[in-house]
Amino acid sequence: MHTGSDLQNLRVSRWCAGRFGVSGSLTWVAEIERRTPADSTPLDEFFRLLDDFRRDAPQEPAP
């Protein structure tokens, strides 16, 4: 049985895969770290992407 957290993580993973154009075994955390520009930090990029996710991803009702 999946928890709400598992389902949210899956949604974020799918969204990041589409955003980054990847379908590999790297997690979205590793993708953020790998793609962080030199003038930023992974944490800053995470929150930037979180804002984008909240704005762009279709919202689903909680289970």
PDB file of N, CA and C in Angstrom:
ATOM      1  N   MET A   1       0.841  -1.177   0.000  1.00  0.00           N
ATOM      2  CA  MET A   1       0.000   0.000   0.000  1.00  0.00           C
ATOM      3  C   MET A   1       0.882   1.235   0.000  1.00  0.00           C
ATOM      4  N   HIS A   2       0.555   2.181  -0.861  1.00  0.00           N
ATOM      5  CA  HIS A   2       1.320   3.413  -0.936  1.00  0.00           C
ATOM      6  C   HIS A   2       0.744   4.460  -0.002  1.00  0.00           C
ATOM      7  N   THR A   3       1.627   5.225   0.610  1.00  0.00           N
ATOM      8  CA  THR A   3       1.175   6.323   1.451  1.00  0.00           C
ATOM      9  C   THR A   3       1.035   7.573   0.596  1.00  0.00           C
ATOM     10  N   GLY A   4       0.419   8.601   1.135  1.00  0.00           N
ATOM     11  CA  GLY A   4       0.300   9.867   0.426  1.00  0.00           C
ATOM     12  C   GLY A   4       1.661  10.425   0.068  1.00  0.00           C
ATOM     13  N   SER A   5       2.626  10.239   0.955  1.00  0.00           N
ATOM     14  CA  SER A   5       3.991  10.708   0.702  1.00  0.00           C
ATOM     15  C   SER A   5       4.622   9.968  -0.474  1.00  0.00           C
ATOM     16  N   ASP A   6       4.390   8.663  -0.560  1.00  0.00           N
ATOM     17  CA  ASP A   6       4.912   7.875  -1.684  1.00  0.00           C
ATOM     18  C   ASP A   6       4.338   8.374  -3.005  1.00  0.00           C
ATOM     19  N   LEU A   7       3.038   8.632  -3.008  1.00  0.00           N
ATOM     20  CA  LEU A   7       2.379   9.088  -4.228  1.00  0.00           C
ATOM     21  C   LEU A   7       2.857  10.483  -4.621  1.00  0.00           C
ATOM     22  N   GLN A   8       3.057  11.349  -3.650  1.00  0.00           N
ATOM     23  CA  GLN A   8       3.564  12.693  -3.940  1.00  0.00           C
ATOM     24  C   GLN A   8       4.983  12.607  -4.491  1.00  0.00           C
ATOM     25  N   ASN A   9       5.811  11.753  -3.921  1.00  0.00           N
ATOM     26  CA  ASN A   9       7.172  11.581  -4.409  1.00  0.00           C
ATOM     27  C   ASN A   9       7.167  11.075  -5.845  1.00  0.00           C
ATOM     28  N   LEU A  10       6.255  10.170  -6.157  1.00  0.00           N
ATOM     29  CA  LEU A  10       6.131   9.659  -7.515  1.00  0.00           C
ATOM     30  C   LEU A  10       5.717  10.774  -8.474  1.00  0.00           C
ATOM     31  N   ARG A  11       4.779  11.618  -8.062  1.00  0.00           N
ATOM     32  CA  ARG A  11       4.367  12.751  -8.896  1.00  0.00           C
ATOM     33  C   ARG A  11       5.537  13.692  -9.143  1.00  0.00           C
ATOM     34  N   VAL A  12       6.307  13.985  -8.102  1.00  0.00           N
ATOM     35  CA  VAL A  12       7.468  14.874  -8.246  1.00  0.00           C
ATOM     36  C   VAL A  12       8.495  14.224  -9.173  1.00  0.00           C
ATOM     37  N   SER A  13       8.741  12.945  -8.999  1.00  0.00           N
ATOM     38  CA  SER A  13       9.708  12.238  -9.845  1.00  0.00           C
ATOM     39  C   SER A  13       9.296  12.286 -11.305  1.00  0.00           C
ATOM     40  N   ARG A  14       8.025  12.026 -11.582  1.00  0.00           N
ATOM     41  CA  ARG A  14       7.534  12.058 -12.966  1.00  0.00           C
ATOM     42  C   ARG A  14       7.611  13.467 -13.541  1.00  0.00           C
ATOM     43  N   TRP A  15       7.259  14.461 -12.733  1.00  0.00           N
ATOM     44  CA  TRP A  15       7.312  15.846 -13.187  1.00  0.00           C
ATOM     45  C   TRP A  15       8.747  16.244 -13.505  1.00  0.00           C
ATOM     46  N   CYS A  16       9.683  15.897 -12.607  1.00  0.00           N
ATOM     47  CA  CYS A  16      11.100  16.229 -12.834  1.00  0.00           C
ATOM     48  C   CYS A  16      11.642  15.501 -14.066  1.00  0.00           C
ATOM     49  N   ALA A  17      11.263  14.250 -14.252  1.00  0.00           N
ATOM     50  CA  ALA A  17      11.724  13.502 -15.426  1.00  0.00           C
ATOM     51  C   ALA A  17      11.279  14.200 -16.702  1.00  0.00           C
ATOM     52  N   GLY A  18      10.043  14.649 -16.731  1.00  0.00           N
ATOM     53  CA  GLY A  18       9.557  15.378 -17.893  1.00  0.00           C
ATOM     54  C   GLY A  18      10.228  16.732 -18.038  1.00  0.00           C
ATOM     55  N   ARG A  19      10.437  17.386 -16.947  1.00  0.00           N
ATOM     56  CA  ARG A  19      11.079  18.719 -16.951  1.00  0.00           C
ATOM     57  C   ARG A  19      12.516  18.626 -17.437  1.00  0.00           C
ATOM     58  N   PHE A  20      13.241  17.614 -16.968  1.00  0.00           N
ATOM     59  CA  PHE A  20      14.649  17.453 -17.318  1.00  0.00           C
ATOM     60  C   PHE A  20      14.848  16.641 -18.581  1.00  0.00           C
ATOM     61  N   GLY A  21      13.783  15.993 -19.058  1.00  0.00           N
ATOM     62  CA  GLY A  21      13.893  15.174 -20.258  1.00  0.00           C
ATOM     63  C   GLY A  21      14.743  13.931 -20.062  1.00  0.00           C
ATOM     64  N   VAL A  22      14.625  13.320 -18.898  1.00  0.00           N
ATOM     65  CA  VAL A  22      15.400  12.119 -18.593  1.00  0.00           C
ATOM     66  C   VAL A  22      14.474  10.979 -18.186  1.00  0.00           C
ATOM     67  N   SER A  23      14.955   9.781 -18.336  1.00  0.00           N
ATOM     68  CA  SER A  23      14.204   8.614 -17.863  1.00  0.00           C
ATOM     69  C   SER A  23      15.184   7.568 -17.362  1.00  0.00           C
ATOM     70  N   GLY A  24      16.172   8.013 -16.623  1.00  0.00           N
ATOM     71  CA  GLY A  24      17.186   7.103 -16.126  1.00  0.00           C
ATOM     72  C   GLY A  24      16.928   6.701 -14.693  1.00  0.00           C
ATOM     73  N   SER A  25      17.929   6.107 -14.094  1.00  0.00           N
ATOM     74  CA  SER A  25      17.783   5.615 -12.728  1.00  0.00           C
ATOM     75  C   SER A  25      18.121   6.664 -11.673  1.00  0.00           C
ATOM     76  N   LEU A  26      18.558   7.848 -12.099  1.00  0.00           N
ATOM     77  CA  LEU A  26      18.850   8.892 -11.120  1.00  0.00           C
ATOM     78  C   LEU A  26      17.559   9.390 -10.485  1.00  0.00           C
ATOM     79  N   THR A  27      17.622   9.677  -9.219  1.00  0.00           N
ATOM     80  CA  THR A  27      16.466  10.255  -8.545  1.00  0.00           C
ATOM     81  C   THR A  27      16.386  11.736  -8.878  1.00  0.00           C
ATOM     82  N   TRP A  28      15.263  12.337  -8.591  1.00  0.00           N
ATOM     83  CA  TRP A  28      15.125  13.757  -8.865  1.00  0.00           C
ATOM     84  C   TRP A  28      16.108  14.575  -8.027  1.00  0.00           C
ATOM     85  N   VAL A  29      16.466  14.085  -6.848  1.00  0.00           N
ATOM     86  CA  VAL A  29      17.457  14.781  -6.020  1.00  0.00           C
ATOM     87  C   VAL A  29      18.809  14.818  -6.736  1.00  0.00           C
ATOM     88  N   ALA A  30      19.215  13.682  -7.277  1.00  0.00           N
ATOM     89  CA  ALA A  30      20.495  13.612  -7.995  1.00  0.00           C
ATOM     90  C   ALA A  30      20.455  14.496  -9.238  1.00  0.00           C
ATOM     91  N   GLU A  31      19.317  14.541  -9.935  1.00  0.00           N
ATOM     92  CA  GLU A  31      19.194  15.395 -11.114  1.00  0.00           C
ATOM     93  C   GLU A  31      19.340  16.863 -10.746  1.00  0.00           C
ATOM     94  N   ILE A  32      18.719  17.266  -9.653  1.00  0.00           N
ATOM     95  CA  ILE A  32      18.857  18.656  -9.205  1.00  0.00           C
ATOM     96  C   ILE A  32      20.316  18.957  -8.898  1.00  0.00           C
ATOM     97  N   GLU A  33      20.977  18.063  -8.162  1.00  0.00           N
ATOM     98  CA  GLU A  33      22.390  18.281  -7.836  1.00  0.00           C
ATOM     99  C   GLU A  33      23.245  18.346  -9.093  1.00  0.00           C
ATOM    100  N   ARG A  34      22.983  17.469 -10.020  1.00  0.00           N
ATOM    101  CA  ARG A  34      23.774  17.396 -11.247  1.00  0.00           C
ATOM    102  C   ARG A  34      23.583  18.632 -12.124  1.00  0.00           C
ATOM    103  N   ARG A  35      22.389  19.207 -12.113  1.00  0.00           N
ATOM    104  CA  ARG A  35      22.060  20.318 -13.010  1.00  0.00           C
ATOM    105  C   ARG A  35      22.140  21.694 -12.354  1.00  0.00           C
ATOM    106  N   THR A  36      22.587  21.769 -11.119  1.00  0.00           N
ATOM    107  CA  THR A  36      22.674  23.060 -10.442  1.00  0.00           C
ATOM    108  C   THR A  36      23.753  23.926 -11.088  1.00  0.00           C
ATOM    109  N   PRO A  37      23.384  25.143 -11.514  1.00  0.00           N
ATOM    110  CA  PRO A  37      24.386  26.038 -12.094  1.00  0.00           C
ATOM    111  C   PRO A  37      25.453  26.433 -11.072  1.00  0.00           C
ATOM    112  N   ALA A  38      26.596  26.839 -11.571  1.00  0.00           N
ATOM    113  CA  ALA A  38      27.724  27.187 -10.694  1.00  0.00           C
ATOM    114  C   ALA A  38      27.386  28.335  -9.743  1.00  0.00           C
ATOM    115  N   ASP A  39      26.489  29.218 -10.145  1.00  0.00           N
ATOM    116  CA  ASP A  39      26.173  30.379  -9.309  1.00  0.00           C
ATOM    117  C   ASP A  39      24.979  30.129  -8.375  1.00  0.00           C
ATOM    118  N   SER A  40      24.623  28.868  -8.168  1.00  0.00           N
ATOM    119  CA  SER A  40      23.499  28.512  -7.310  1.00  0.00           C
ATOM    120  C   SER A  40      23.907  27.352  -6.414  1.00  0.00           C
ATOM    121  N   THR A  41      22.966  26.917  -5.591  1.00  0.00           N
ATOM    122  CA  THR A  41      23.190  25.740  -4.745  1.00  0.00           C
ATOM    123  C   THR A  41      22.053  24.751  -5.006  1.00  0.00           C
ATOM    124  N   PRO A  42      22.273  23.465  -4.742  1.00  0.00           N
ATOM    125  CA  PRO A  42      21.182  22.504  -4.916  1.00  0.00           C
ATOM    126  C   PRO A  42      19.934  22.862  -4.105  1.00  0.00           C
ATOM    127  N   LEU A  43      20.128  23.403  -2.916  1.00  0.00           N
ATOM    128  CA  LEU A  43      18.983  23.775  -2.088  1.00  0.00           C
ATOM    129  C   LEU A  43      18.186  24.914  -2.738  1.00  0.00           C
ATOM    130  N   ASP A  44      18.893  25.924  -3.252  1.00  0.00           N
ATOM    131  CA  ASP A  44      18.196  27.009  -3.957  1.00  0.00           C
ATOM    132  C   ASP A  44      17.444  26.479  -5.171  1.00  0.00           C
ATOM    133  N   GLU A  45      18.076  25.583  -5.911  1.00  0.00           N
ATOM    134  CA  GLU A  45      17.431  25.008  -7.095  1.00  0.00           C
ATOM    135  C   GLU A  45      16.221  24.162  -6.714  1.00  0.00           C
ATOM    136  N   PHE A  46      16.327  23.424  -5.606  1.00  0.00           N
ATOM    137  CA  PHE A  46      15.190  22.642  -5.143  1.00  0.00           C
ATOM    138  C   PHE A  46      13.980  23.540  -4.911  1.00  0.00           C
ATOM    139  N   PHE A  47      14.174  24.651  -4.195  1.00  0.00           N
ATOM    140  CA  PHE A  47      13.044  25.521  -3.901  1.00  0.00           C
ATOM    141  C   PHE A  47      12.534  26.243  -5.149  1.00  0.00           C
ATOM    142  N   ARG A  48      13.403  26.551  -6.084  1.00  0.00           N
ATOM    143  CA  ARG A  48      12.966  27.129  -7.351  1.00  0.00           C
ATOM    144  C   ARG A  48      12.088  26.122  -8.099  1.00  0.00           C
ATOM    145  N   LEU A  49      12.560  24.870  -8.166  1.00  0.00           N
ATOM    146  CA  LEU A  49      11.782  23.824  -8.836  1.00  0.00           C
ATOM    147  C   LEU A  49      10.480  23.503  -8.091  1.00  0.00           C
ATOM    148  N   LEU A  50      10.514  23.558  -6.773  1.00  0.00           N
ATOM    149  CA  LEU A  50       9.292  23.328  -6.001  1.00  0.00           C
ATOM    150  C   LEU A  50       8.242  24.378  -6.350  1.00  0.00           C
ATOM    151  N   ASP A  51       8.661  25.635  -6.457  1.00  0.00           N
ATOM    152  CA  ASP A  51       7.731  26.682  -6.877  1.00  0.00           C
ATOM    153  C   ASP A  51       7.175  26.385  -8.264  1.00  0.00           C
ATOM    154  N   ASP A  52       8.046  25.966  -9.186  1.00  0.00           N
ATOM    155  CA  ASP A  52       7.603  25.618 -10.540  1.00  0.00           C
ATOM    156  C   ASP A  52       6.622  24.444 -10.507  1.00  0.00           C
ATOM    157  N   PHE A  53       6.941  23.425  -9.712  1.00  0.00           N
ATOM    158  CA  PHE A  53       6.067  22.247  -9.599  1.00  0.00           C
ATOM    159  C   PHE A  53       4.695  22.644  -9.091  1.00  0.00           C
ATOM    160  N   ARG A  54       4.664  23.446  -8.054  1.00  0.00           N
ATOM    161  CA  ARG A  54       3.379  23.866  -7.487  1.00  0.00           C
ATOM    162  C   ARG A  54       2.566  24.685  -8.477  1.00  0.00           C
ATOM    163  N   ARG A  55       3.252  25.447  -9.308  1.00  0.00           N
ATOM    164  CA  ARG A  55       2.572  26.263 -10.302  1.00  0.00           C
ATOM    165  C   ARG A  55       2.120  25.440 -11.513  1.00  0.00           C
ATOM    166  N   ASP A  56       2.980  24.522 -11.989  1.00  0.00           N
ATOM    167  CA  ASP A  56       2.762  23.848 -13.269  1.00  0.00           C
ATOM    168  C   ASP A  56       2.103  22.483 -13.190  1.00  0.00           C
ATOM    169  N   ALA A  57       2.369  21.735 -12.144  1.00  0.00           N
ATOM    170  CA  ALA A  57       1.858  20.349 -12.066  1.00  0.00           C
ATOM    171  C   ALA A  57       0.369  20.367 -11.746  1.00  0.00           C
ATOM    172  N   PRO A  58      -0.391  19.524 -12.432  1.00  0.00           N
ATOM    173  CA  PRO A  58      -1.818  19.443 -12.097  1.00  0.00           C
ATOM    174  C   PRO A  58      -1.994  18.970 -10.654  1.00  0.00           C
ATOM    175  N   GLN A  59      -2.845  19.616  -9.945  1.00  0.00           N
ATOM    176  CA  GLN A  59      -3.072  19.244  -8.546  1.00  0.00           C
ATOM    177  C   GLN A  59      -4.095  18.129  -8.477  1.00  0.00           C
ATOM    178  N   GLU A  60      -3.796  17.153  -7.644  1.00  0.00           N
ATOM    179  CA  GLU A  60      -4.698  16.030  -7.445  1.00  0.00           C
ATOM    180  C   GLU A  60      -5.206  16.055  -6.010  1.00  0.00           C
ATOM    181  N   PRO A  61      -6.441  15.684  -5.816  1.00  0.00           N
ATOM    182  CA  PRO A  61      -6.958  15.655  -4.436  1.00  0.00           C
ATOM    183  C   PRO A  61      -6.222  14.620  -3.602  1.00  0.00           C
ATOM    184  N   ALA A  62      -6.112  14.899  -2.333  1.00  0.00           N
ATOM    185  CA  ALA A  62      -5.460  13.951  -1.420  1.00  0.00           C
ATOM    186  C   ALA A  62      -6.272  12.666  -1.369  1.00  0.00           C
ATOM    187  N   PRO A  63      -5.569  11.503  -1.259  1.00  0.00           N
ATOM    188  CA  PRO A  63      -6.297  10.224  -1.200  1.00  0.00           C
ATOM    189  C   PRO A  63      -7.088  10.077   0.074  1.00  0.00           C
TER     190      PRO A  63
END
